[in-house]
Structures are given as structure tokens and as C-alpha cells.
Amino acid sequence: MQITNISEAKASLSHLIKTVQETGEPVIIGKAGEPVAVLSAYKKDTSPRQLGGSWEGKVKISADFDEIDKEISDSFYNSSLFPDMS
């Protein structure tokens, strides 16, 4: 595992990234002799996406979900918003 300080990492970031990609070994970046960060290779998740989510099977939609309520419909369409056009 390679260890470098912040100023060296800043000056040679492209080289450090290439090294991490090729070797798979992380690079520790330090400040004043203390480790503060780790530069490591990104591992792409290749597993198939799970559909459904955490609410799957816990929520049920009623059979009349998309039916229009007559009282709400009347109060909307018979309001001053939609005056009688006849």
C-alpha cells in the first residue's frame, strides 16, 4: 500500500489514479504524518437491480381508487371556476 502526502497527491493525482486502477491497491493520503484519506478503485455493482422496494407487499390500493367521487366532482365543476356555459 502506497502512502503519500497531500502536496504529492495533488501534484501527481492522475498518476496515482492510474496506479490504483492498474494494481487495485489503495493509496493512503496523509497530512502532517497522519493518514486522512484513502484513494481506492471504484468497484461497479454488476448485480441485477432489485425492483419493488421496501413497501412491496405492505400497501394495497383499493378497487375504487380511480373512481371519481360525485360530491368532489360536483363541487369542482359547478363552482365559479367553471361557470355554466349555457
N, C-alpha and C. Protein backbone atom coordinates (compact mmCIF):
# COMPACT_ATOMS: atom_id res chain seq x y z
N MET A 1 0.85 -1.17 0.00
CA MET A 1 0.00 0.00 0.00
C MET A 1 0.89 1.24 0.00
N GLN A 2 0.63 2.11 -0.94
CA GLN A 2 1.43 3.33 -1.09
C GLN A 2 0.91 4.42 -0.17
N ILE A 3 1.83 5.18 0.41
CA ILE A 3 1.47 6.30 1.28
C ILE A 3 2.09 7.57 0.69
N THR A 4 1.29 8.63 0.61
CA THR A 4 1.78 9.89 0.07
C THR A 4 1.18 11.05 0.87
N ASN A 5 1.82 12.22 0.79
CA ASN A 5 1.25 13.37 1.48
C ASN A 5 0.36 14.16 0.52
N ILE A 6 -0.36 15.11 1.06
CA ILE A 6 -1.34 15.85 0.26
C ILE A 6 -0.70 16.59 -0.90
N SER A 7 0.42 17.25 -0.68
CA SER A 7 1.03 18.02 -1.76
C SER A 7 1.52 17.11 -2.89
N GLU A 8 2.07 15.96 -2.55
CA GLU A 8 2.49 15.00 -3.59
C GLU A 8 1.27 14.45 -4.32
N ALA A 9 0.21 14.15 -3.60
CA ALA A 9 -1.01 13.62 -4.21
C ALA A 9 -1.62 14.64 -5.16
N LYS A 10 -1.61 15.89 -4.75
CA LYS A 10 -2.15 16.96 -5.58
C LYS A 10 -1.35 17.10 -6.88
N ALA A 11 -0.05 17.00 -6.77
CA ALA A 11 0.82 17.16 -7.94
C ALA A 11 0.78 15.96 -8.88
N SER A 12 0.45 14.79 -8.36
CA SER A 12 0.50 13.59 -9.21
C SER A 12 -0.78 12.76 -9.12
N LEU A 13 -1.93 13.44 -9.02
CA LEU A 13 -3.20 12.73 -8.87
C LEU A 13 -3.49 11.80 -10.04
N SER A 14 -3.25 12.25 -11.26
CA SER A 14 -3.50 11.39 -12.43
C SER A 14 -2.69 10.11 -12.35
N HIS A 15 -1.43 10.25 -11.98
CA HIS A 15 -0.56 9.07 -11.85
C HIS A 15 -1.06 8.14 -10.74
N LEU A 16 -1.46 8.71 -9.61
CA LEU A 16 -1.96 7.89 -8.51
C LEU A 16 -3.24 7.14 -8.90
N ILE A 17 -4.14 7.82 -9.61
CA ILE A 17 -5.37 7.17 -10.07
C ILE A 17 -5.05 6.01 -11.00
N LYS A 18 -4.13 6.22 -11.93
CA LYS A 18 -3.73 5.16 -12.87
C LYS A 18 -3.14 3.98 -12.11
N THR A 19 -2.31 4.26 -11.11
CA THR A 19 -1.71 3.20 -10.30
C THR A 19 -2.77 2.39 -9.56
N VAL A 20 -3.73 3.09 -8.97
CA VAL A 20 -4.81 2.42 -8.25
C VAL A 20 -5.64 1.56 -9.20
N GLN A 21 -5.93 2.06 -10.38
CA GLN A 21 -6.70 1.30 -11.37
C GLN A 21 -5.95 0.04 -11.80
N GLU A 22 -4.67 0.16 -12.04
CA GLU A 22 -3.89 -0.97 -12.54
C GLU A 22 -3.60 -2.01 -11.47
N THR A 23 -3.30 -1.58 -10.27
CA THR A 23 -2.91 -2.53 -9.23
C THR A 23 -4.06 -2.96 -8.32
N GLY A 24 -5.09 -2.10 -8.22
CA GLY A 24 -6.19 -2.39 -7.31
C GLY A 24 -5.85 -2.08 -5.86
N GLU A 25 -4.62 -1.66 -5.60
CA GLU A 25 -4.17 -1.33 -4.24
C GLU A 25 -4.51 0.12 -3.91
N PRO A 26 -5.07 0.38 -2.74
CA PRO A 26 -5.39 1.75 -2.36
C PRO A 26 -4.14 2.56 -2.04
N VAL A 27 -4.27 3.88 -2.10
CA VAL A 27 -3.20 4.80 -1.75
C VAL A 27 -3.68 5.62 -0.56
N ILE A 28 -2.88 5.67 0.48
CA ILE A 28 -3.21 6.46 1.66
C ILE A 28 -2.62 7.85 1.49
N ILE A 29 -3.45 8.86 1.75
CA ILE A 29 -3.02 10.25 1.66
C ILE A 29 -2.96 10.80 3.08
N GLY A 30 -1.81 11.38 3.43
CA GLY A 30 -1.62 11.87 4.79
C GLY A 30 -1.36 13.35 4.86
N LYS A 31 -1.55 13.89 6.06
CA LYS A 31 -1.27 15.30 6.32
C LYS A 31 -0.53 15.36 7.65
N ALA A 32 0.63 15.97 7.64
CA ALA A 32 1.47 16.09 8.84
C ALA A 32 1.76 14.72 9.45
N GLY A 33 1.99 13.74 8.58
CA GLY A 33 2.35 12.40 9.05
C GLY A 33 1.18 11.55 9.51
N GLU A 34 -0.05 12.08 9.44
CA GLU A 34 -1.22 11.32 9.85
C GLU A 34 -2.10 10.99 8.64
N PRO A 35 -2.56 9.75 8.51
CA PRO A 35 -3.45 9.41 7.40
C PRO A 35 -4.78 10.17 7.51
N VAL A 36 -5.24 10.74 6.38
CA VAL A 36 -6.51 11.46 6.38
C VAL A 36 -7.49 10.97 5.33
N ALA A 37 -6.99 10.28 4.29
CA ALA A 37 -7.88 9.82 3.23
C ALA A 37 -7.29 8.59 2.55
N VAL A 38 -8.16 7.87 1.86
CA VAL A 38 -7.73 6.70 1.09
C VAL A 38 -8.25 6.85 -0.32
N LEU A 39 -7.37 6.71 -1.30
CA LEU A 39 -7.76 6.70 -2.71
C LEU A 39 -7.82 5.24 -3.13
N SER A 40 -9.01 4.78 -3.50
CA SER A 40 -9.15 3.37 -3.87
C SER A 40 -9.94 3.25 -5.16
N ALA A 41 -9.83 2.09 -5.80
CA ALA A 41 -10.51 1.85 -7.07
C ALA A 41 -12.01 1.69 -6.84
N TYR A 42 -12.80 2.19 -7.77
CA TYR A 42 -14.25 2.06 -7.72
C TYR A 42 -14.64 0.69 -8.26
N LYS A 43 -15.49 0.01 -7.51
CA LYS A 43 -15.97 -1.30 -7.96
C LYS A 43 -17.42 -1.17 -8.36
N LYS A 44 -17.66 -1.35 -9.65
CA LYS A 44 -19.01 -1.21 -10.19
C LYS A 44 -19.88 -2.38 -9.73
N ASP A 45 -21.09 -2.08 -9.31
CA ASP A 45 -22.04 -3.10 -8.87
C ASP A 45 -22.66 -3.73 -10.12
N THR A 46 -22.40 -5.01 -10.34
CA THR A 46 -22.91 -5.69 -11.52
C THR A 46 -24.12 -6.56 -11.22
N SER A 47 -24.58 -6.55 -9.97
CA SER A 47 -25.75 -7.37 -9.63
C SER A 47 -27.00 -6.75 -10.25
N PRO A 48 -27.96 -7.59 -10.62
CA PRO A 48 -29.18 -7.05 -11.24
C PRO A 48 -29.96 -6.19 -10.25
N ARG A 49 -30.61 -5.20 -10.77
CA ARG A 49 -31.38 -4.27 -9.93
C ARG A 49 -32.60 -4.97 -9.36
N GLN A 50 -32.83 -4.78 -8.08
CA GLN A 50 -33.99 -5.35 -7.41
C GLN A 50 -35.16 -4.36 -7.52
N LEU A 51 -36.28 -4.82 -8.05
CA LEU A 51 -37.45 -3.97 -8.17
C LEU A 51 -38.39 -4.22 -6.99
N GLY A 52 -39.20 -3.26 -6.69
CA GLY A 52 -40.20 -3.44 -5.64
C GLY A 52 -40.02 -2.46 -4.50
N GLY A 53 -38.92 -2.51 -3.85
CA GLY A 53 -38.67 -1.59 -2.76
C GLY A 53 -39.17 -2.12 -1.43
N SER A 54 -39.00 -1.31 -0.39
CA SER A 54 -39.30 -1.75 0.96
C SER A 54 -40.79 -1.78 1.27
N TRP A 55 -41.63 -1.13 0.46
CA TRP A 55 -43.07 -1.12 0.70
C TRP A 55 -43.78 -2.26 -0.03
N GLU A 56 -43.06 -3.03 -0.83
CA GLU A 56 -43.68 -4.10 -1.61
C GLU A 56 -44.40 -5.09 -0.68
N GLY A 57 -45.66 -5.34 -0.98
CA GLY A 57 -46.45 -6.27 -0.20
C GLY A 57 -47.07 -5.65 1.05
N LYS A 58 -46.75 -4.41 1.38
CA LYS A 58 -47.26 -3.78 2.59
C LYS A 58 -48.39 -2.78 2.29
N VAL A 59 -48.53 -2.38 1.04
CA VAL A 59 -49.51 -1.38 0.67
C VAL A 59 -50.48 -2.00 -0.32
N LYS A 60 -51.77 -1.76 -0.10
CA LYS A 60 -52.79 -2.24 -1.02
C LYS A 60 -53.61 -1.05 -1.50
N ILE A 61 -53.92 -1.03 -2.78
CA ILE A 61 -54.73 0.03 -3.36
C ILE A 61 -56.15 -0.51 -3.47
N SER A 62 -57.12 0.27 -3.01
CA SER A 62 -58.50 -0.19 -3.04
C SER A 62 -59.00 -0.30 -4.48
N ALA A 63 -60.01 -1.12 -4.68
CA ALA A 63 -60.55 -1.36 -6.02
C ALA A 63 -61.15 -0.10 -6.63
N ASP A 64 -61.65 0.82 -5.79
CA ASP A 64 -62.27 2.03 -6.31
C ASP A 64 -61.31 3.23 -6.30
N PHE A 65 -60.03 2.98 -6.32
CA PHE A 65 -59.02 4.03 -6.25
C PHE A 65 -59.21 5.10 -7.31
N ASP A 66 -59.44 4.70 -8.55
CA ASP A 66 -59.51 5.68 -9.63
C ASP A 66 -60.93 6.09 -9.99
N GLU A 67 -61.93 5.74 -9.17
CA GLU A 67 -63.30 6.20 -9.40
C GLU A 67 -63.42 7.64 -8.88
N ILE A 68 -64.20 8.44 -9.58
CA ILE A 68 -64.37 9.84 -9.22
C ILE A 68 -65.49 9.97 -8.20
N ASP A 69 -65.23 10.69 -7.12
CA ASP A 69 -66.25 10.94 -6.10
C ASP A 69 -67.20 12.01 -6.62
N LYS A 70 -68.52 11.71 -6.66
CA LYS A 70 -69.50 12.62 -7.23
C LYS A 70 -69.55 13.95 -6.49
N GLU A 71 -69.48 13.95 -5.18
CA GLU A 71 -69.55 15.18 -4.40
C GLU A 71 -68.37 16.10 -4.71
N ILE A 72 -67.19 15.54 -4.79
CA ILE A 72 -66.00 16.35 -5.12
C ILE A 72 -66.07 16.84 -6.55
N SER A 73 -66.50 15.98 -7.45
CA SER A 73 -66.61 16.37 -8.86
C SER A 73 -67.62 17.49 -9.03
N ASP A 74 -68.79 17.38 -8.38
CA ASP A 74 -69.81 18.42 -8.48
C ASP A 74 -69.30 19.74 -7.91
N SER A 75 -68.65 19.70 -6.77
CA SER A 75 -68.17 20.94 -6.17
C SER A 75 -67.07 21.58 -7.01
N PHE A 76 -66.35 20.80 -7.76
CA PHE A 76 -65.29 21.34 -8.63
C PHE A 76 -65.88 21.92 -9.91
N TYR A 77 -66.67 21.11 -10.62
CA TYR A 77 -67.17 21.55 -11.93
C TYR A 77 -68.33 22.52 -11.83
N ASN A 78 -69.03 22.58 -10.71
CA ASN A 78 -70.16 23.50 -10.56
C ASN A 78 -69.77 24.71 -9.72
N SER A 79 -68.51 25.00 -9.64
CA SER A 79 -68.03 26.16 -8.89
C SER A 79 -67.85 27.34 -9.82
N SER A 80 -67.46 28.47 -9.26
CA SER A 80 -67.24 29.67 -10.09
C SER A 80 -66.01 29.51 -11.00
N LEU A 81 -65.23 28.47 -10.73
CA LEU A 81 -64.07 28.21 -11.57
C LEU A 81 -64.51 27.82 -12.98
N PHE A 82 -65.60 27.06 -13.08
CA PHE A 82 -66.17 26.66 -14.36
C PHE A 82 -67.63 27.14 -14.41
N PRO A 83 -67.89 28.38 -14.75
CA PRO A 83 -69.27 28.88 -14.79
C PRO A 83 -70.07 28.16 -15.85
N ASP A 84 -71.36 28.15 -15.65
CA ASP A 84 -72.26 27.50 -16.59
C ASP A 84 -72.14 28.16 -17.96
N MET A 85 -71.83 27.39 -18.97
CA MET A 85 -71.60 27.94 -20.31
C MET A 85 -72.88 27.99 -21.15
N SER A 86 -74.02 27.56 -20.62
CA SER A 86 -75.24 27.51 -21.44
C SER A 86 -75.97 28.82 -21.51
